[in-house]
Amino acid sequence: MARWQDPEKGLVSPAAFIPVIEKHYLTYYLDMYMLWEVVAKLRQWKERGLDLKPVSVNLAHEDFEMPNLVKKINDLVTGAGLSWSLIKIEITERGLSNNTSRLKEQIDQLRSYGFEVWMDDFGSGYSSLNALNDYSFDLVKIDMVFVRHLDDGQLNRLLIPEITKVAHKLGLKVLAEGVEKEEQRDFLREAGCDLLQGFFVQQAG
């Protein structure tokens, strides 16, 4: 996720500047800048002989309207001497509501190179299940809203294991976002989630 370190205001939340960038159709430039920064950092770590771990990069569906996006991503990663497995491409679920053959084709191209493509914020909109049918993904990220409301009744405790089962039957891995408590971690592990993300995991790691 992008953060803006302003010399006067300090750390600026993406909630403050991302809407402005989206309004002026500049998302592509920010996303490519973030990808470039990730690749540059991974290359530095590789040159220092450090053990490299994969990094996920978010792309907006608007990015895929730019010419030769997939080729630019592939050239950037391979030009840095990095493995495709080190970059995970995340696309938000809300960006998939407009089902286009062009987007599907480019996702397939990314995966053919060796990049994993993840669906971010699964369940945040109304088209998640359709998107699983329309696009080829490697992993779905269960939106943090599901995890945040685990204790607000039984619905989410029923839904998360079922979502996980369906994803696994489709050959997809499952990551749960927003893990902030030990009880959440234990439940999600029991539910079959392959990966966990959140403040508690980072602190406990």
N, C-alpha and C. Protein backbone atom coordinates (compact mmCIF):
# COMPACT_ATOMS: atom_id res chain seq x y z
N MET A 1 0.84 -1.20 0.00
CA MET A 1 0.00 0.00 0.00
C MET A 1 0.88 1.25 0.00
N ALA A 2 0.44 2.25 -0.76
CA ALA A 2 1.18 3.49 -0.86
C ALA A 2 0.98 4.34 0.39
N ARG A 3 2.07 4.95 0.86
CA ARG A 3 2.01 5.93 1.93
C ARG A 3 2.79 7.16 1.47
N TRP A 4 2.34 8.32 1.88
CA TRP A 4 2.98 9.56 1.46
C TRP A 4 3.64 10.21 2.67
N GLN A 5 4.99 10.30 2.64
CA GLN A 5 5.73 10.92 3.73
C GLN A 5 5.96 12.39 3.36
N ASP A 6 5.08 13.27 3.86
CA ASP A 6 5.18 14.69 3.56
C ASP A 6 6.13 15.35 4.56
N PRO A 7 7.02 16.24 4.08
CA PRO A 7 7.99 16.87 5.00
C PRO A 7 7.35 17.73 6.08
N GLU A 8 6.14 18.22 5.84
CA GLU A 8 5.48 19.06 6.82
C GLU A 8 4.37 18.33 7.57
N LYS A 9 3.55 17.55 6.85
CA LYS A 9 2.40 16.89 7.45
C LYS A 9 2.73 15.50 8.00
N GLY A 10 3.91 15.01 7.69
CA GLY A 10 4.27 13.68 8.15
C GLY A 10 3.65 12.60 7.27
N LEU A 11 3.31 11.47 7.87
CA LEU A 11 2.77 10.35 7.13
C LEU A 11 1.32 10.61 6.76
N VAL A 12 1.03 10.63 5.47
CA VAL A 12 -0.32 10.91 4.98
C VAL A 12 -0.98 9.59 4.58
N SER A 13 -2.17 9.36 5.09
CA SER A 13 -2.90 8.13 4.79
C SER A 13 -3.30 8.09 3.32
N PRO A 14 -3.31 6.90 2.71
CA PRO A 14 -3.77 6.80 1.32
C PRO A 14 -5.22 7.23 1.15
N ALA A 15 -6.00 7.18 2.24
CA ALA A 15 -7.39 7.62 2.15
C ALA A 15 -7.49 9.11 1.84
N ALA A 16 -6.40 9.84 2.08
CA ALA A 16 -6.41 11.28 1.84
C ALA A 16 -6.02 11.64 0.41
N PHE A 17 -5.14 10.83 -0.21
CA PHE A 17 -4.67 11.23 -1.55
C PHE A 17 -5.08 10.29 -2.68
N ILE A 18 -5.42 9.05 -2.37
CA ILE A 18 -5.82 8.12 -3.43
C ILE A 18 -7.08 8.59 -4.17
N PRO A 19 -8.12 9.07 -3.46
CA PRO A 19 -9.30 9.56 -4.19
C PRO A 19 -8.98 10.67 -5.18
N VAL A 20 -8.03 11.53 -4.83
CA VAL A 20 -7.65 12.62 -5.73
C VAL A 20 -6.96 12.05 -6.97
N ILE A 21 -6.09 11.08 -6.75
CA ILE A 21 -5.39 10.44 -7.87
C ILE A 21 -6.38 9.73 -8.79
N GLU A 22 -7.34 9.04 -8.19
CA GLU A 22 -8.35 8.34 -8.99
C GLU A 22 -9.21 9.32 -9.78
N LYS A 23 -9.55 10.43 -9.15
CA LYS A 23 -10.39 11.43 -9.81
C LYS A 23 -9.74 11.97 -11.07
N HIS A 24 -8.43 12.09 -11.06
CA HIS A 24 -7.71 12.65 -12.20
C HIS A 24 -7.06 11.57 -13.07
N TYR A 25 -7.48 10.33 -12.88
CA TYR A 25 -7.05 9.20 -13.71
C TYR A 25 -5.52 9.04 -13.71
N LEU A 26 -4.94 9.13 -12.54
CA LEU A 26 -3.48 9.00 -12.40
C LEU A 26 -3.08 7.72 -11.68
N THR A 27 -4.03 6.83 -11.46
CA THR A 27 -3.75 5.62 -10.70
C THR A 27 -2.64 4.79 -11.33
N TYR A 28 -2.65 4.70 -12.63
CA TYR A 28 -1.65 3.89 -13.35
C TYR A 28 -0.24 4.35 -12.99
N TYR A 29 0.00 5.65 -12.94
CA TYR A 29 1.34 6.17 -12.69
C TYR A 29 1.79 5.87 -11.26
N LEU A 30 0.87 5.96 -10.31
CA LEU A 30 1.21 5.62 -8.94
C LEU A 30 1.51 4.13 -8.83
N ASP A 31 0.67 3.30 -9.43
CA ASP A 31 0.85 1.85 -9.32
C ASP A 31 2.17 1.40 -9.96
N MET A 32 2.51 1.98 -11.10
CA MET A 32 3.77 1.61 -11.75
C MET A 32 4.96 2.11 -10.95
N TYR A 33 4.81 3.28 -10.32
CA TYR A 33 5.88 3.79 -9.46
C TYR A 33 6.11 2.84 -8.28
N MET A 34 5.01 2.38 -7.67
CA MET A 34 5.12 1.47 -6.54
C MET A 34 5.77 0.16 -6.97
N LEU A 35 5.38 -0.35 -8.15
CA LEU A 35 6.00 -1.58 -8.65
C LEU A 35 7.48 -1.37 -8.88
N TRP A 36 7.84 -0.24 -9.48
CA TRP A 36 9.26 0.05 -9.72
C TRP A 36 10.03 0.09 -8.40
N GLU A 37 9.45 0.70 -7.37
CA GLU A 37 10.11 0.78 -6.07
C GLU A 37 10.30 -0.60 -5.46
N VAL A 38 9.27 -1.45 -5.57
CA VAL A 38 9.35 -2.81 -5.04
C VAL A 38 10.45 -3.60 -5.74
N VAL A 39 10.48 -3.52 -7.07
CA VAL A 39 11.49 -4.24 -7.85
C VAL A 39 12.89 -3.73 -7.51
N ALA A 40 13.05 -2.42 -7.38
CA ALA A 40 14.35 -1.85 -7.04
C ALA A 40 14.83 -2.33 -5.67
N LYS A 41 13.90 -2.38 -4.71
CA LYS A 41 14.27 -2.83 -3.36
C LYS A 41 14.64 -4.31 -3.37
N LEU A 42 13.87 -5.12 -4.07
CA LEU A 42 14.19 -6.55 -4.15
C LEU A 42 15.55 -6.77 -4.81
N ARG A 43 15.84 -5.98 -5.83
CA ARG A 43 17.13 -6.11 -6.51
C ARG A 43 18.27 -5.75 -5.56
N GLN A 44 18.09 -4.70 -4.77
CA GLN A 44 19.12 -4.32 -3.79
C GLN A 44 19.35 -5.44 -2.80
N TRP A 45 18.26 -6.02 -2.30
CA TRP A 45 18.39 -7.10 -1.33
C TRP A 45 19.08 -8.32 -1.95
N LYS A 46 18.75 -8.59 -3.22
CA LYS A 46 19.39 -9.72 -3.91
C LYS A 46 20.88 -9.50 -4.04
N GLU A 47 21.29 -8.28 -4.40
CA GLU A 47 22.71 -7.96 -4.55
C GLU A 47 23.45 -8.05 -3.22
N ARG A 48 22.72 -7.85 -2.13
CA ARG A 48 23.34 -7.95 -0.80
C ARG A 48 23.33 -9.39 -0.28
N GLY A 49 22.76 -10.29 -1.07
CA GLY A 49 22.75 -11.70 -0.69
C GLY A 49 21.71 -12.06 0.34
N LEU A 50 20.68 -11.23 0.50
CA LEU A 50 19.65 -11.49 1.49
C LEU A 50 18.62 -12.49 0.96
N ASP A 51 17.95 -13.15 1.88
CA ASP A 51 16.91 -14.10 1.53
C ASP A 51 15.66 -13.34 1.09
N LEU A 52 15.26 -13.48 -0.15
CA LEU A 52 14.15 -12.70 -0.69
C LEU A 52 12.81 -13.36 -0.41
N LYS A 53 11.82 -12.53 -0.09
CA LYS A 53 10.45 -12.98 0.12
C LYS A 53 9.54 -12.27 -0.89
N PRO A 54 8.47 -12.94 -1.31
CA PRO A 54 7.55 -12.32 -2.28
C PRO A 54 6.90 -11.06 -1.72
N VAL A 55 6.63 -10.11 -2.61
CA VAL A 55 5.96 -8.87 -2.26
C VAL A 55 4.75 -8.72 -3.18
N SER A 56 3.61 -8.36 -2.61
CA SER A 56 2.42 -8.17 -3.43
C SER A 56 2.27 -6.70 -3.80
N VAL A 57 1.80 -6.47 -5.03
CA VAL A 57 1.62 -5.12 -5.56
C VAL A 57 0.19 -5.00 -6.06
N ASN A 58 -0.49 -3.93 -5.64
CA ASN A 58 -1.87 -3.72 -6.06
C ASN A 58 -1.93 -2.99 -7.40
N LEU A 59 -2.80 -3.49 -8.28
CA LEU A 59 -3.07 -2.83 -9.55
C LEU A 59 -4.57 -2.56 -9.64
N ALA A 60 -4.92 -1.39 -10.12
CA ALA A 60 -6.32 -1.05 -10.35
C ALA A 60 -6.75 -1.58 -11.71
N HIS A 61 -8.04 -1.85 -11.86
CA HIS A 61 -8.47 -2.38 -13.15
C HIS A 61 -8.25 -1.37 -14.27
N GLU A 62 -8.20 -0.07 -13.92
CA GLU A 62 -7.92 0.94 -14.94
C GLU A 62 -6.52 0.80 -15.53
N ASP A 63 -5.59 0.27 -14.73
CA ASP A 63 -4.22 0.10 -15.21
C ASP A 63 -4.17 -0.79 -16.45
N PHE A 64 -5.08 -1.75 -16.51
CA PHE A 64 -5.05 -2.71 -17.60
C PHE A 64 -5.55 -2.12 -18.91
N GLU A 65 -6.01 -0.87 -18.86
CA GLU A 65 -6.41 -0.20 -20.09
C GLU A 65 -5.22 0.47 -20.78
N MET A 66 -4.09 0.53 -20.08
CA MET A 66 -2.90 1.15 -20.66
C MET A 66 -2.21 0.17 -21.62
N PRO A 67 -1.62 0.69 -22.70
CA PRO A 67 -0.98 -0.18 -23.69
C PRO A 67 0.20 -0.97 -23.10
N ASN A 68 0.26 -2.25 -23.45
CA ASN A 68 1.41 -3.10 -23.14
C ASN A 68 1.72 -3.20 -21.64
N LEU A 69 0.69 -3.14 -20.80
CA LEU A 69 0.94 -3.18 -19.36
C LEU A 69 1.66 -4.46 -18.95
N VAL A 70 1.18 -5.60 -19.41
CA VAL A 70 1.77 -6.87 -18.99
C VAL A 70 3.23 -6.95 -19.43
N LYS A 71 3.52 -6.53 -20.63
CA LYS A 71 4.90 -6.55 -21.13
C LYS A 71 5.78 -5.64 -20.29
N LYS A 72 5.27 -4.47 -19.92
CA LYS A 72 6.06 -3.54 -19.10
C LYS A 72 6.38 -4.16 -17.73
N ILE A 73 5.39 -4.83 -17.14
CA ILE A 73 5.62 -5.48 -15.85
C ILE A 73 6.66 -6.58 -15.98
N ASN A 74 6.49 -7.40 -16.99
CA ASN A 74 7.42 -8.52 -17.20
C ASN A 74 8.83 -8.01 -17.47
N ASP A 75 8.96 -6.99 -18.34
CA ASP A 75 10.28 -6.45 -18.66
C ASP A 75 10.95 -5.85 -17.44
N LEU A 76 10.17 -5.19 -16.58
CA LEU A 76 10.72 -4.57 -15.38
C LEU A 76 11.28 -5.63 -14.44
N VAL A 77 10.53 -6.70 -14.23
CA VAL A 77 10.94 -7.74 -13.29
C VAL A 77 12.11 -8.55 -13.84
N THR A 78 12.01 -9.00 -15.08
CA THR A 78 13.09 -9.79 -15.66
C THR A 78 14.34 -8.96 -15.88
N GLY A 79 14.16 -7.66 -16.22
CA GLY A 79 15.30 -6.78 -16.40
C GLY A 79 16.10 -6.58 -15.13
N ALA A 80 15.45 -6.74 -13.99
CA ALA A 80 16.13 -6.62 -12.70
C ALA A 80 16.73 -7.95 -12.25
N GLY A 81 16.55 -8.99 -13.07
CA GLY A 81 17.10 -10.29 -12.73
C GLY A 81 16.36 -11.01 -11.63
N LEU A 82 15.06 -10.70 -11.50
CA LEU A 82 14.26 -11.28 -10.44
C LEU A 82 13.34 -12.38 -10.98
N SER A 83 12.98 -13.28 -10.11
CA SER A 83 12.02 -14.33 -10.46
C SER A 83 10.61 -13.77 -10.42
N TRP A 84 9.76 -14.24 -11.34
CA TRP A 84 8.36 -13.81 -11.36
C TRP A 84 7.66 -14.15 -10.05
N SER A 85 8.13 -15.21 -9.37
CA SER A 85 7.47 -15.65 -8.14
C SER A 85 7.60 -14.64 -7.01
N LEU A 86 8.49 -13.66 -7.17
CA LEU A 86 8.70 -12.67 -6.11
C LEU A 86 7.68 -11.55 -6.14
N ILE A 87 6.91 -11.44 -7.22
CA ILE A 87 5.91 -10.38 -7.35
C ILE A 87 4.52 -11.00 -7.44
N LYS A 88 3.66 -10.65 -6.50
CA LYS A 88 2.26 -11.09 -6.53
C LYS A 88 1.40 -9.89 -6.96
N ILE A 89 0.60 -10.08 -7.97
CA ILE A 89 -0.25 -9.01 -8.49
C ILE A 89 -1.63 -9.10 -7.85
N GLU A 90 -2.06 -8.04 -7.17
CA GLU A 90 -3.37 -8.02 -6.54
C GLU A 90 -4.31 -7.09 -7.29
N ILE A 91 -5.53 -7.57 -7.53
CA ILE A 91 -6.56 -6.76 -8.18
C ILE A 91 -7.78 -6.77 -7.27
N THR A 92 -8.30 -5.59 -6.95
CA THR A 92 -9.43 -5.53 -6.03
C THR A 92 -10.69 -6.10 -6.68
N GLU A 93 -11.52 -6.71 -5.84
CA GLU A 93 -12.76 -7.33 -6.31
C GLU A 93 -13.67 -6.30 -6.97
N ARG A 94 -13.72 -5.09 -6.42
CA ARG A 94 -14.61 -4.07 -6.98
C ARG A 94 -14.19 -3.66 -8.39
N GLY A 95 -12.94 -3.87 -8.72
CA GLY A 95 -12.47 -3.53 -10.05
C GLY A 95 -12.80 -4.57 -11.10
N LEU A 96 -13.43 -5.66 -10.68
CA LEU A 96 -13.74 -6.74 -11.61
C LEU A 96 -15.20 -6.74 -12.02
N SER A 97 -15.96 -5.75 -11.54
CA SER A 97 -17.39 -5.75 -11.82
C SER A 97 -17.69 -5.56 -13.30
N ASN A 98 -16.80 -4.85 -13.99
CA ASN A 98 -16.97 -4.69 -15.43
C ASN A 98 -16.17 -5.78 -16.13
N ASN A 99 -16.83 -6.87 -16.39
CA ASN A 99 -16.16 -8.03 -16.96
C ASN A 99 -15.77 -7.75 -18.41
N THR A 100 -14.49 -7.70 -18.69
CA THR A 100 -14.03 -7.47 -20.04
C THR A 100 -13.09 -8.58 -20.46
N SER A 101 -13.17 -8.95 -21.71
CA SER A 101 -12.29 -10.00 -22.23
C SER A 101 -10.84 -9.54 -22.20
N ARG A 102 -10.61 -8.22 -22.34
CA ARG A 102 -9.25 -7.69 -22.32
C ARG A 102 -8.60 -7.90 -20.95
N LEU A 103 -9.33 -7.62 -19.90
CA LEU A 103 -8.79 -7.82 -18.56
C LEU A 103 -8.51 -9.29 -18.31
N LYS A 104 -9.44 -10.14 -18.68
CA LYS A 104 -9.26 -11.58 -18.51
C LYS A 104 -8.02 -12.06 -19.26
N GLU A 105 -7.85 -11.58 -20.48
CA GLU A 105 -6.70 -11.99 -21.30
C GLU A 105 -5.40 -11.56 -20.65
N GLN A 106 -5.36 -10.35 -20.09
CA GLN A 106 -4.13 -9.87 -19.48
C GLN A 106 -3.80 -10.59 -18.18
N ILE A 107 -4.82 -10.95 -17.42
CA ILE A 107 -4.59 -11.77 -16.22
C ILE A 107 -4.00 -13.10 -16.62
N ASP A 108 -4.54 -13.70 -17.67
CA ASP A 108 -4.02 -14.98 -18.15
C ASP A 108 -2.58 -14.83 -18.63
N GLN A 109 -2.25 -13.71 -19.26
CA GLN A 109 -0.89 -13.46 -19.72
C GLN A 109 0.08 -13.36 -18.54
N LEU A 110 -0.33 -12.63 -17.51
CA LEU A 110 0.51 -12.52 -16.31
C LEU A 110 0.80 -13.88 -15.72
N ARG A 111 -0.23 -14.71 -15.62
CA ARG A 111 -0.05 -16.04 -15.03
C ARG A 111 0.80 -16.92 -15.93
N SER A 112 0.71 -16.73 -17.25
CA SER A 112 1.51 -17.53 -18.17
C SER A 112 3.01 -17.22 -18.03
N TYR A 113 3.33 -15.97 -17.66
CA TYR A 113 4.72 -15.61 -17.41
C TYR A 113 5.25 -16.24 -16.12
N GLY A 114 4.35 -16.47 -15.18
CA GLY A 114 4.76 -17.01 -13.89
C GLY A 114 4.37 -16.16 -12.70
N PHE A 115 3.69 -15.03 -12.95
CA PHE A 115 3.19 -14.21 -11.85
C PHE A 115 1.93 -14.85 -11.25
N GLU A 116 1.81 -14.78 -9.94
CA GLU A 116 0.54 -15.13 -9.31
C GLU A 116 -0.35 -13.89 -9.29
N VAL A 117 -1.64 -14.10 -9.57
CA VAL A 117 -2.59 -13.00 -9.55
C VAL A 117 -3.62 -13.28 -8.47
N TRP A 118 -3.78 -12.33 -7.56
CA TRP A 118 -4.67 -12.50 -6.40
C TRP A 118 -5.88 -11.58 -6.53
N MET A 119 -7.03 -12.08 -6.08
CA MET A 119 -8.21 -11.22 -5.96
C MET A 119 -8.21 -10.62 -4.56
N ASP A 120 -8.11 -9.30 -4.50
CA ASP A 120 -8.10 -8.60 -3.23
C ASP A 120 -9.52 -8.26 -2.78
N ASP A 121 -9.72 -8.16 -1.47
CA ASP A 121 -11.00 -7.72 -0.88
C ASP A 121 -12.18 -8.61 -1.29
N PHE A 122 -11.98 -9.91 -1.34
CA PHE A 122 -13.06 -10.81 -1.71
C PHE A 122 -14.23 -10.66 -0.73
N GLY A 123 -15.42 -10.45 -1.29
CA GLY A 123 -16.61 -10.30 -0.46
C GLY A 123 -16.97 -8.87 -0.14
N SER A 124 -16.15 -7.90 -0.61
CA SER A 124 -16.45 -6.50 -0.31
C SER A 124 -17.53 -5.94 -1.22
N GLY A 125 -17.77 -6.61 -2.34
CA GLY A 125 -18.79 -6.15 -3.29
C GLY A 125 -19.82 -7.24 -3.53
N TYR A 126 -20.43 -7.20 -4.69
CA TYR A 126 -21.52 -8.12 -4.99
C TYR A 126 -21.19 -9.09 -6.12
N SER A 127 -19.96 -9.03 -6.62
CA SER A 127 -19.64 -9.83 -7.80
C SER A 127 -18.52 -10.84 -7.56
N SER A 128 -18.22 -11.12 -6.30
CA SER A 128 -17.08 -11.97 -5.99
C SER A 128 -17.19 -13.35 -6.61
N LEU A 129 -18.35 -13.99 -6.46
CA LEU A 129 -18.51 -15.35 -6.98
C LEU A 129 -18.47 -15.34 -8.50
N ASN A 130 -19.08 -14.34 -9.12
CA ASN A 130 -19.02 -14.23 -10.57
C ASN A 130 -17.58 -14.05 -11.04
N ALA A 131 -16.81 -13.26 -10.30
CA ALA A 131 -15.42 -13.02 -10.68
C ALA A 131 -14.60 -14.30 -10.62
N LEU A 132 -14.88 -15.15 -9.65
CA LEU A 132 -14.17 -16.43 -9.58
C LEU A 132 -14.45 -17.28 -10.81
N ASN A 133 -15.63 -17.12 -11.34
CA ASN A 133 -16.01 -17.88 -12.53
C ASN A 133 -15.45 -17.26 -13.81
N ASP A 134 -15.34 -15.93 -13.82
CA ASP A 134 -14.95 -15.22 -15.04
C ASP A 134 -13.45 -15.08 -15.22
N TYR A 135 -12.69 -15.06 -14.11
CA TYR A 135 -11.26 -14.80 -14.18
C TYR A 135 -10.48 -15.94 -13.54
N SER A 136 -9.22 -16.06 -13.93
CA SER A 136 -8.34 -17.09 -13.37
C SER A 136 -7.42 -16.46 -12.32
N PHE A 137 -7.61 -16.86 -11.07
CA PHE A 137 -6.78 -16.35 -9.98
C PHE A 137 -6.02 -17.50 -9.33
N ASP A 138 -5.00 -17.10 -8.55
CA ASP A 138 -4.24 -18.08 -7.78
C ASP A 138 -4.62 -18.06 -6.31
N LEU A 139 -5.15 -16.93 -5.86
CA LEU A 139 -5.47 -16.76 -4.44
C LEU A 139 -6.58 -15.73 -4.29
N VAL A 140 -7.43 -15.91 -3.29
CA VAL A 140 -8.42 -14.91 -2.92
C VAL A 140 -8.11 -14.41 -1.50
N LYS A 141 -8.23 -13.10 -1.32
CA LYS A 141 -8.03 -12.49 -0.01
C LYS A 141 -9.39 -12.13 0.56
N ILE A 142 -9.76 -12.80 1.64
CA ILE A 142 -11.04 -12.53 2.29
C ILE A 142 -10.99 -11.16 2.94
N ASP A 143 -11.94 -10.30 2.59
CA ASP A 143 -11.93 -8.93 3.08
C ASP A 143 -11.95 -8.88 4.60
N MET A 144 -11.26 -7.89 5.14
CA MET A 144 -11.11 -7.78 6.59
C MET A 144 -12.45 -7.56 7.31
N VAL A 145 -13.47 -7.10 6.60
CA VAL A 145 -14.77 -6.91 7.22
C VAL A 145 -15.29 -8.22 7.80
N PHE A 146 -15.07 -9.33 7.10
CA PHE A 146 -15.50 -10.63 7.59
C PHE A 146 -14.83 -10.95 8.92
N VAL A 147 -13.53 -10.69 8.98
CA VAL A 147 -12.76 -11.00 10.19
C VAL A 147 -13.13 -10.06 11.32
N ARG A 148 -13.31 -8.80 11.01
CA ARG A 148 -13.62 -7.79 12.03
C ARG A 148 -14.93 -8.09 12.75
N HIS A 149 -15.87 -8.73 12.05
CA HIS A 149 -17.19 -8.98 12.62
C HIS A 149 -17.42 -10.46 12.97
N LEU A 150 -16.34 -11.15 13.25
CA LEU A 150 -16.47 -12.56 13.62
C LEU A 150 -17.33 -12.76 14.85
N ASP A 151 -17.29 -11.82 15.77
CA ASP A 151 -18.02 -11.96 17.02
C ASP A 151 -19.41 -11.34 16.98
N ASP A 152 -19.81 -10.83 15.81
CA ASP A 152 -21.13 -10.19 15.69
C ASP A 152 -22.16 -11.17 15.14
N GLY A 153 -22.30 -12.29 15.79
CA GLY A 153 -23.25 -13.29 15.31
C GLY A 153 -22.53 -14.44 14.61
N GLN A 154 -23.30 -15.37 14.07
CA GLN A 154 -22.75 -16.59 13.51
C GLN A 154 -22.48 -16.53 12.01
N LEU A 155 -23.01 -15.52 11.30
CA LEU A 155 -22.95 -15.52 9.85
C LEU A 155 -21.53 -15.62 9.32
N ASN A 156 -20.66 -14.75 9.77
CA ASN A 156 -19.29 -14.76 9.25
C ASN A 156 -18.53 -16.01 9.66
N ARG A 157 -18.85 -16.56 10.83
CA ARG A 157 -18.21 -17.80 11.26
C ARG A 157 -18.66 -18.97 10.39
N LEU A 158 -19.84 -18.84 9.78
CA LEU A 158 -20.30 -19.86 8.85
C LEU A 158 -19.75 -19.62 7.44
N LEU A 159 -19.68 -18.34 7.06
CA LEU A 159 -19.28 -18.01 5.69
C LEU A 159 -17.80 -18.29 5.41
N ILE A 160 -16.93 -17.92 6.32
CA ILE A 160 -15.50 -18.03 6.06
C ILE A 160 -15.07 -19.47 5.77
N PRO A 161 -15.47 -20.47 6.57
CA PRO A 161 -15.09 -21.85 6.23
C PRO A 161 -15.65 -22.29 4.89
N GLU A 162 -16.87 -21.84 4.55
CA GLU A 162 -17.47 -22.24 3.28
C GLU A 162 -16.76 -21.58 2.10
N ILE A 163 -16.40 -20.30 2.25
CA ILE A 163 -15.64 -19.61 1.21
C ILE A 163 -14.31 -20.34 0.98
N THR A 164 -13.68 -20.72 2.07
CA THR A 164 -12.41 -21.42 1.98
C THR A 164 -12.55 -22.75 1.27
N LYS A 165 -13.61 -23.49 1.59
CA LYS A 165 -13.84 -24.79 0.93
C LYS A 165 -14.04 -24.62 -0.57
N VAL A 166 -14.87 -23.65 -0.95
CA VAL A 166 -15.14 -23.41 -2.38
C VAL A 166 -13.85 -23.02 -3.10
N ALA A 167 -13.07 -22.11 -2.49
CA ALA A 167 -11.82 -21.68 -3.12
C ALA A 167 -10.87 -22.85 -3.30
N HIS A 168 -10.74 -23.69 -2.28
CA HIS A 168 -9.84 -24.83 -2.37
C HIS A 168 -10.29 -25.81 -3.44
N LYS A 169 -11.60 -25.99 -3.58
CA LYS A 169 -12.11 -26.89 -4.63
C LYS A 169 -11.82 -26.34 -6.02
N LEU A 170 -11.70 -25.01 -6.12
CA LEU A 170 -11.35 -24.38 -7.39
C LEU A 170 -9.84 -24.31 -7.60
N GLY A 171 -9.09 -24.82 -6.64
CA GLY A 171 -7.63 -24.80 -6.76
C GLY A 171 -6.99 -23.51 -6.33
N LEU A 172 -7.71 -22.70 -5.53
CA LEU A 172 -7.21 -21.41 -5.10
C LEU A 172 -6.75 -21.47 -3.64
N LYS A 173 -5.73 -20.69 -3.33
CA LYS A 173 -5.34 -20.49 -1.94
C LYS A 173 -6.19 -19.37 -1.34
N VAL A 174 -6.23 -19.33 -0.01
CA VAL A 174 -7.05 -18.33 0.69
C VAL A 174 -6.21 -17.59 1.71
N LEU A 175 -6.30 -16.27 1.68
CA LEU A 175 -5.65 -15.41 2.67
C LEU A 175 -6.72 -14.58 3.35
N ALA A 176 -6.67 -14.50 4.67
CA ALA A 176 -7.62 -13.68 5.43
C ALA A 176 -6.92 -12.41 5.89
N GLU A 177 -7.58 -11.27 5.65
CA GLU A 177 -7.02 -9.97 6.01
C GLU A 177 -7.53 -9.52 7.38
N GLY A 178 -6.81 -8.57 7.97
CA GLY A 178 -7.30 -7.89 9.17
C GLY A 178 -7.23 -8.70 10.44
N VAL A 179 -6.26 -9.59 10.56
CA VAL A 179 -6.13 -10.42 11.77
C VAL A 179 -5.47 -9.59 12.87
N GLU A 180 -6.22 -9.32 13.92
CA GLU A 180 -5.70 -8.46 14.99
C GLU A 180 -5.75 -9.12 16.36
N LYS A 181 -6.35 -10.31 16.45
CA LYS A 181 -6.49 -10.96 17.75
C LYS A 181 -6.10 -12.43 17.64
N GLU A 182 -5.65 -12.96 18.77
CA GLU A 182 -5.27 -14.37 18.81
C GLU A 182 -6.46 -15.27 18.48
N GLU A 183 -7.66 -14.89 18.97
CA GLU A 183 -8.85 -15.70 18.71
C GLU A 183 -9.18 -15.74 17.22
N GLN A 184 -8.99 -14.61 16.55
CA GLN A 184 -9.23 -14.56 15.10
C GLN A 184 -8.25 -15.47 14.37
N ARG A 185 -7.00 -15.39 14.75
CA ARG A 185 -5.99 -16.24 14.13
C ARG A 185 -6.33 -17.71 14.28
N ASP A 186 -6.71 -18.11 15.48
CA ASP A 186 -7.00 -19.52 15.73
C ASP A 186 -8.22 -19.98 14.92
N PHE A 187 -9.25 -19.14 14.86
CA PHE A 187 -10.44 -19.51 14.10
C PHE A 187 -10.13 -19.65 12.62
N LEU A 188 -9.38 -18.71 12.07
CA LEU A 188 -9.08 -18.71 10.63
C LEU A 188 -8.20 -19.90 10.25
N ARG A 189 -7.29 -20.25 11.14
CA ARG A 189 -6.48 -21.44 10.88
C ARG A 189 -7.36 -22.69 10.87
N GLU A 190 -8.26 -22.75 11.82
CA GLU A 190 -9.18 -23.89 11.90
C GLU A 190 -10.11 -23.92 10.68
N ALA A 191 -10.45 -22.75 10.16
CA ALA A 191 -11.33 -22.65 8.99
C ALA A 191 -10.63 -23.08 7.70
N GLY A 192 -9.32 -23.22 7.75
CA GLY A 192 -8.59 -23.70 6.58
C GLY A 192 -7.87 -22.64 5.77
N CYS A 193 -7.82 -21.40 6.28
CA CYS A 193 -7.12 -20.35 5.54
C CYS A 193 -5.64 -20.69 5.41
N ASP A 194 -5.10 -20.49 4.23
CA ASP A 194 -3.70 -20.83 3.98
C ASP A 194 -2.74 -19.78 4.51
N LEU A 195 -3.15 -18.50 4.44
CA LEU A 195 -2.30 -17.40 4.86
C LEU A 195 -3.11 -16.40 5.66
N LEU A 196 -2.45 -15.70 6.57
CA LEU A 196 -3.10 -14.67 7.39
C LEU A 196 -2.33 -13.37 7.25
N GLN A 197 -3.05 -12.25 7.32
CA GLN A 197 -2.43 -10.93 7.21
C GLN A 197 -3.07 -10.00 8.21
N GLY A 198 -2.24 -9.23 8.93
CA GLY A 198 -2.80 -8.28 9.88
C GLY A 198 -1.84 -7.92 10.98
N PHE A 199 -2.26 -6.98 11.81
CA PHE A 199 -1.42 -6.45 12.87
C PHE A 199 -0.95 -7.54 13.83
N PHE A 200 -1.85 -8.44 14.22
CA PHE A 200 -1.47 -9.46 15.18
C PHE A 200 -0.41 -10.39 14.62
N VAL A 201 -0.55 -10.76 13.37
CA VAL A 201 0.41 -11.66 12.73
C VAL A 201 1.76 -11.01 12.66
N GLN A 202 1.80 -9.70 12.30
CA GLN A 202 3.06 -9.00 12.21
C GLN A 202 3.73 -8.91 13.59
N GLN A 203 2.92 -8.64 14.62
CA GLN A 203 3.47 -8.50 15.96
C GLN A 203 3.95 -9.85 16.50
N ALA A 204 3.17 -10.90 16.17
CA ALA A 204 3.49 -12.21 16.72
C ALA A 204 4.53 -12.95 15.91
N GLY A 205 4.78 -12.43 14.67
CA GLY A 205 5.67 -13.14 13.76
C GLY A 205 7.06 -13.30 14.28
